[in-house]
């Protein structure tokens, strides 16, 4: 028995369209991260970027369960003393509805150069319109 390893040149990238309307943030993010990583393919190889491009529309219609919209905190630090900044999910959602999905999905990807390359294949739009009709993305239901 031999182990099959996919070569980067042999990977055929596809485009997927995901409608986020009515989906829960974390469950949607986990499924999209799996597609970006390439785990949906039978020839998945961890050290090769096998993921597909994903276009998410209607990001403004995604929801969080319970009181997470008011209670969930996003924290970052400027690196200077007293530079701890926090914001709630509700404030972040009002400022930019796509940011919640982007942060959730990128948090589920590897933290290395390969993960950075996978994250560039993600496109998130607040409304139902997107400029990627030429790539003919296939609508998938998650």
C-alpha atoms as a PDB file:
ATOM      1  CA  UNK A   1       0.000   0.000   0.000  1.00  0.00           C
ATOM      2  CA  UNK A   2       1.305   3.478  -0.868  1.00  0.00           C
ATOM      3  CA  UNK A   3       0.444   6.906   0.447  1.00  0.00           C
ATOM      4  CA  UNK A   4      -0.782   9.310  -2.215  1.00  0.00           C
ATOM      5  CA  UNK A   5       0.471  12.889  -1.981  1.00  0.00           C
ATOM      6  CA  UNK A   6      -1.088  15.520  -4.212  1.00  0.00           C
ATOM      7  CA  UNK A   7       1.300  17.848  -6.020  1.00  0.00           C
ATOM      8  CA  UNK A   8       0.463  21.581  -5.921  1.00  0.00           C
ATOM      9  CA  UNK A   9       0.470  21.756  -9.734  1.00  0.00           C
ATOM     10  CA  UNK A  10      -2.219  19.049  -9.966  1.00  0.00           C
ATOM     11  CA  UNK A  11      -4.787  20.882  -7.809  1.00  0.00           C
ATOM     12  CA  UNK A  12      -7.751  22.225  -9.794  1.00  0.00           C
ATOM     13  CA  UNK A  13      -9.289  25.135  -7.901  1.00  0.00           C
ATOM     14  CA  UNK A  14     -13.048  25.607  -7.990  1.00  0.00           C
ATOM     15  CA  UNK A  15     -15.284  28.491  -6.930  1.00  0.00           C
ATOM     16  CA  UNK A  16     -18.100  27.994  -4.424  1.00  0.00           C
ATOM     17  CA  UNK A  17     -20.922  30.374  -3.516  1.00  0.00           C
ATOM     18  CA  UNK A  18     -22.394  30.209   0.001  1.00  0.00           C
ATOM     19  CA  UNK A  19     -25.541  32.036   1.084  1.00  0.00           C
ATOM     20  CA  UNK A  20     -25.116  32.867   4.799  1.00  0.00           C
ATOM     21  CA  UNK A  21     -28.768  33.802   5.310  1.00  0.00           C
ATOM     22  CA  UNK A  22     -30.222  31.993   8.324  1.00  0.00           C
ATOM     23  CA  UNK A  23     -26.974  30.229   9.276  1.00  0.00           C
ATOM     24  CA  UNK A  24     -25.266  30.284  12.667  1.00  0.00           C
ATOM     25  CA  UNK A  25     -21.863  31.991  12.646  1.00  0.00           C
ATOM     26  CA  UNK A  26     -19.679  29.207  14.073  1.00  0.00           C
ATOM     27  CA  UNK A  27     -21.257  26.324  12.188  1.00  0.00           C
ATOM     28  CA  UNK A  28     -21.004  28.166   8.875  1.00  0.00           C
ATOM     29  CA  UNK A  29     -17.417  29.218   9.604  1.00  0.00           C
ATOM     30  CA  UNK A  30     -16.342  25.635  10.351  1.00  0.00           C
ATOM     31  CA  UNK A  31     -17.739  24.314   7.073  1.00  0.00           C
ATOM     32  CA  UNK A  32     -16.259  27.141   5.005  1.00  0.00           C
ATOM     33  CA  UNK A  33     -12.846  26.761   6.688  1.00  0.00           C
ATOM     34  CA  UNK A  34     -12.900  23.078   5.760  1.00  0.00           C
ATOM     35  CA  UNK A  35     -13.521  23.972   2.102  1.00  0.00           C
ATOM     36  CA  UNK A  36     -10.777  26.619   2.139  1.00  0.00           C
ATOM     37  CA  UNK A  37      -8.382  24.076   3.635  1.00  0.00           C
ATOM     38  CA  UNK A  38      -9.298  21.404   1.063  1.00  0.00           C
ATOM     39  CA  UNK A  39     -10.555  18.765   3.501  1.00  0.00           C
ATOM     40  CA  UNK A  40     -13.610  18.121   1.320  1.00  0.00           C
ATOM     41  CA  UNK A  41     -11.386  16.467  -1.301  1.00  0.00           C
ATOM     42  CA  UNK A  42     -10.559  12.746  -1.145  1.00  0.00           C
ATOM     43  CA  UNK A  43      -6.914  13.560  -2.005  1.00  0.00           C
ATOM     44  CA  UNK A  44      -6.435  16.012   0.917  1.00  0.00           C
ATOM     45  CA  UNK A  45      -2.772  16.631   1.672  1.00  0.00           C
ATOM     46  CA  UNK A  46      -2.041  18.778   4.758  1.00  0.00           C
ATOM     47  CA  UNK A  47       1.107  20.437   3.397  1.00  0.00           C
ATOM     48  CA  UNK A  48      -0.466  21.544   0.078  1.00  0.00           C
ATOM     49  CA  UNK A  49      -2.989  24.337  -0.460  1.00  0.00           C
ATOM     50  CA  UNK A  50      -5.810  22.248  -1.921  1.00  0.00           C
ATOM     51  CA  UNK A  51      -8.623  24.595  -0.971  1.00  0.00           C
ATOM     52  CA  UNK A  52     -11.142  26.208  -3.254  1.00  0.00           C
ATOM     53  CA  UNK A  53     -12.251  29.820  -3.548  1.00  0.00           C
ATOM     54  CA  UNK A  54     -15.330  30.644  -1.462  1.00  0.00           C
ATOM     55  CA  UNK A  55     -17.663  33.614  -1.996  1.00  0.00           C
ATOM     56  CA  UNK A  56     -20.067  34.270   0.877  1.00  0.00           C
ATOM     57  CA  UNK A  57     -23.100  36.491   0.295  1.00  0.00           C
ATOM     58  CA  UNK A  58     -25.694  37.873   2.739  1.00  0.00           C
ATOM     59  CA  UNK A  59     -23.202  38.051   5.625  1.00  0.00           C
ATOM     60  CA  UNK A  60     -25.460  40.614   7.288  1.00  0.00           C
ATOM     61  CA  UNK A  61     -28.104  37.894   7.797  1.00  0.00           C
ATOM     62  CA  UNK A  62     -25.938  35.491   9.809  1.00  0.00           C
ATOM     63  CA  UNK A  63     -26.899  35.122  13.462  1.00  0.00           C
ATOM     64  CA  UNK A  64     -25.341  34.199  16.787  1.00  0.00           C
ATOM     65  CA  UNK A  65     -27.096  32.049  19.361  1.00  0.00           C
ATOM     66  CA  UNK A  66     -27.976  33.145  22.877  1.00  0.00           C
ATOM     67  CA  UNK A  67     -26.645  36.486  24.107  1.00  0.00           C
ATOM     68  CA  UNK A  68     -23.389  36.261  22.167  1.00  0.00           C
ATOM     69  CA  UNK A  69     -24.171  39.395  20.159  1.00  0.00           C
ATOM     70  CA  UNK A  70     -23.950  41.453  23.385  1.00  0.00           C
ATOM     71  CA  UNK A  71     -21.576  39.281  25.449  1.00  0.00           C
ATOM     72  CA  UNK A  72     -18.931  38.024  22.976  1.00  0.00           C
ATOM     73  CA  UNK A  73     -15.785  40.159  23.095  1.00  0.00           C
ATOM     74  CA  UNK A  74     -13.133  40.618  20.443  1.00  0.00           C
ATOM     75  CA  UNK A  75      -9.851  41.569  22.066  1.00  0.00           C
ATOM     76  CA  UNK A  76      -6.613  42.906  20.596  1.00  0.00           C
ATOM     77  CA  UNK A  77      -3.575  44.681  21.993  1.00  0.00           C
ATOM     78  CA  UNK A  78      -1.578  47.491  20.408  1.00  0.00           C
ATOM     79  CA  UNK A  79       1.654  46.320  22.027  1.00  0.00           C
ATOM     80  CA  UNK A  80       1.976  49.419  24.182  1.00  0.00           C
ATOM     81  CA  UNK A  81       1.245  49.636  27.925  1.00  0.00           C
ATOM     82  CA  UNK A  82      -2.481  50.129  28.430  1.00  0.00           C
ATOM     83  CA  UNK A  83      -3.143  49.180  24.800  1.00  0.00           C
ATOM     84  CA  UNK A  84      -5.761  46.482  25.412  1.00  0.00           C
ATOM     85  CA  UNK A  85      -8.801  47.126  23.210  1.00  0.00           C
ATOM     86  CA  UNK A  86     -12.092  45.241  23.392  1.00  0.00           C
ATOM     87  CA  UNK A  87     -15.215  45.436  21.296  1.00  0.00           C
ATOM     88  CA  UNK A  88     -18.454  43.460  21.360  1.00  0.00           C
ATOM     89  CA  UNK A  89     -19.742  41.362  18.496  1.00  0.00           C
ATOM     90  CA  UNK A  90     -22.720  43.701  18.173  1.00  0.00           C
ATOM     91  CA  UNK A  91     -20.499  46.780  17.727  1.00  0.00           C
ATOM     92  CA  UNK A  92     -18.267  44.955  15.239  1.00  0.00           C
ATOM     93  CA  UNK A  93     -21.341  43.712  13.328  1.00  0.00           C
ATOM     94  CA  UNK A  94     -22.787  47.225  13.075  1.00  0.00           C
ATOM     95  CA  UNK A  95     -19.449  48.623  11.898  1.00  0.00           C
ATOM     96  CA  UNK A  96     -18.835  45.910   9.265  1.00  0.00           C
ATOM     97  CA  UNK A  97     -21.144  42.855   8.966  1.00  0.00           C
ATOM     98  CA  UNK A  98     -18.530  40.867   7.054  1.00  0.00           C
ATOM     99  CA  UNK A  99     -15.877  41.164   9.777  1.00  0.00           C
ATOM    100  CA  UNK A 100     -17.522  38.615  12.108  1.00  0.00           C
ATOM    101  CA  UNK A 101     -17.416  35.915   9.427  1.00  0.00           C
ATOM    102  CA  UNK A 102     -13.892  36.764   8.308  1.00  0.00           C
ATOM    103  CA  UNK A 103     -12.518  36.610  11.864  1.00  0.00           C
ATOM    104  CA  UNK A 104     -14.326  33.362  12.646  1.00  0.00           C
ATOM    105  CA  UNK A 105     -13.153  31.620   9.461  1.00  0.00           C
ATOM    106  CA  UNK A 106      -9.565  32.875   9.575  1.00  0.00           C
ATOM    107  CA  UNK A 107      -9.359  31.755  13.202  1.00  0.00           C
ATOM    108  CA  UNK A 108     -10.046  28.191  12.044  1.00  0.00           C
ATOM    109  CA  UNK A 109      -7.261  28.145   9.434  1.00  0.00           C
ATOM    110  CA  UNK A 110      -3.609  27.246  10.145  1.00  0.00           C
ATOM    111  CA  UNK A 111      -1.458  30.050  11.555  1.00  0.00           C
ATOM    112  CA  UNK A 112       1.370  29.852   9.012  1.00  0.00           C
ATOM    113  CA  UNK A 113       2.116  31.058   5.463  1.00  0.00           C
ATOM    114  CA  UNK A 114       0.006  28.261   3.984  1.00  0.00           C
ATOM    115  CA  UNK A 115      -2.965  29.378   6.089  1.00  0.00           C
ATOM    116  CA  UNK A 116      -2.442  32.970   4.954  1.00  0.00           C
ATOM    117  CA  UNK A 117      -2.649  31.798   1.346  1.00  0.00           C
ATOM    118  CA  UNK A 118      -5.855  29.898   2.101  1.00  0.00           C
ATOM    119  CA  UNK A 119      -7.399  32.974   3.738  1.00  0.00           C
ATOM    120  CA  UNK A 120      -6.867  35.010   0.563  1.00  0.00           C
ATOM    121  CA  UNK A 121      -9.318  32.715  -1.232  1.00  0.00           C
ATOM    122  CA  UNK A 122     -12.186  33.918   0.962  1.00  0.00           C
ATOM    123  CA  UNK A 123     -14.482  36.722  -0.220  1.00  0.00           C
ATOM    124  CA  UNK A 124     -17.328  37.913   2.004  1.00  0.00           C
ATOM    125  CA  UNK A 125     -20.083  40.354   0.980  1.00  0.00           C
ATOM    126  CA  UNK A 126     -22.782  41.852   3.202  1.00  0.00           C
ATOM    127  CA  UNK A 127     -25.524  41.828   0.553  1.00  0.00           C
ATOM    128  CA  UNK A 128     -26.678  39.411  -2.145  1.00  0.00           C
ATOM    129  CA  UNK A 129     -24.506  40.928  -4.920  1.00  0.00           C
ATOM    130  CA  UNK A 130     -20.912  39.936  -5.694  1.00  0.00           C
ATOM    131  CA  UNK A 131     -18.533  40.742  -8.583  1.00  0.00           C
ATOM    132  CA  UNK A 132     -17.476  37.134  -9.258  1.00  0.00           C
ATOM    133  CA  UNK A 133     -20.056  35.995 -11.824  1.00  0.00           C
ATOM    134  CA  UNK A 134     -17.286  35.491 -14.401  1.00  0.00           C
ATOM    135  CA  UNK A 135     -15.756  32.708 -12.287  1.00  0.00           C
ATOM    136  CA  UNK A 136     -19.128  30.876 -12.336  1.00  0.00           C
ATOM    137  CA  UNK A 137     -19.223  29.906  -8.630  1.00  0.00           C
ATOM    138  CA  UNK A 138     -21.305  26.836  -7.825  1.00  0.00           C
ATOM    139  CA  UNK A 139     -23.951  27.396  -5.152  1.00  0.00           C
ATOM    140  CA  UNK A 140     -23.503  24.967  -2.271  1.00  0.00           C
ATOM    141  CA  UNK A 141     -25.850  24.426   0.641  1.00  0.00           C
ATOM    142  CA  UNK A 142     -24.245  23.810   4.008  1.00  0.00           C
END
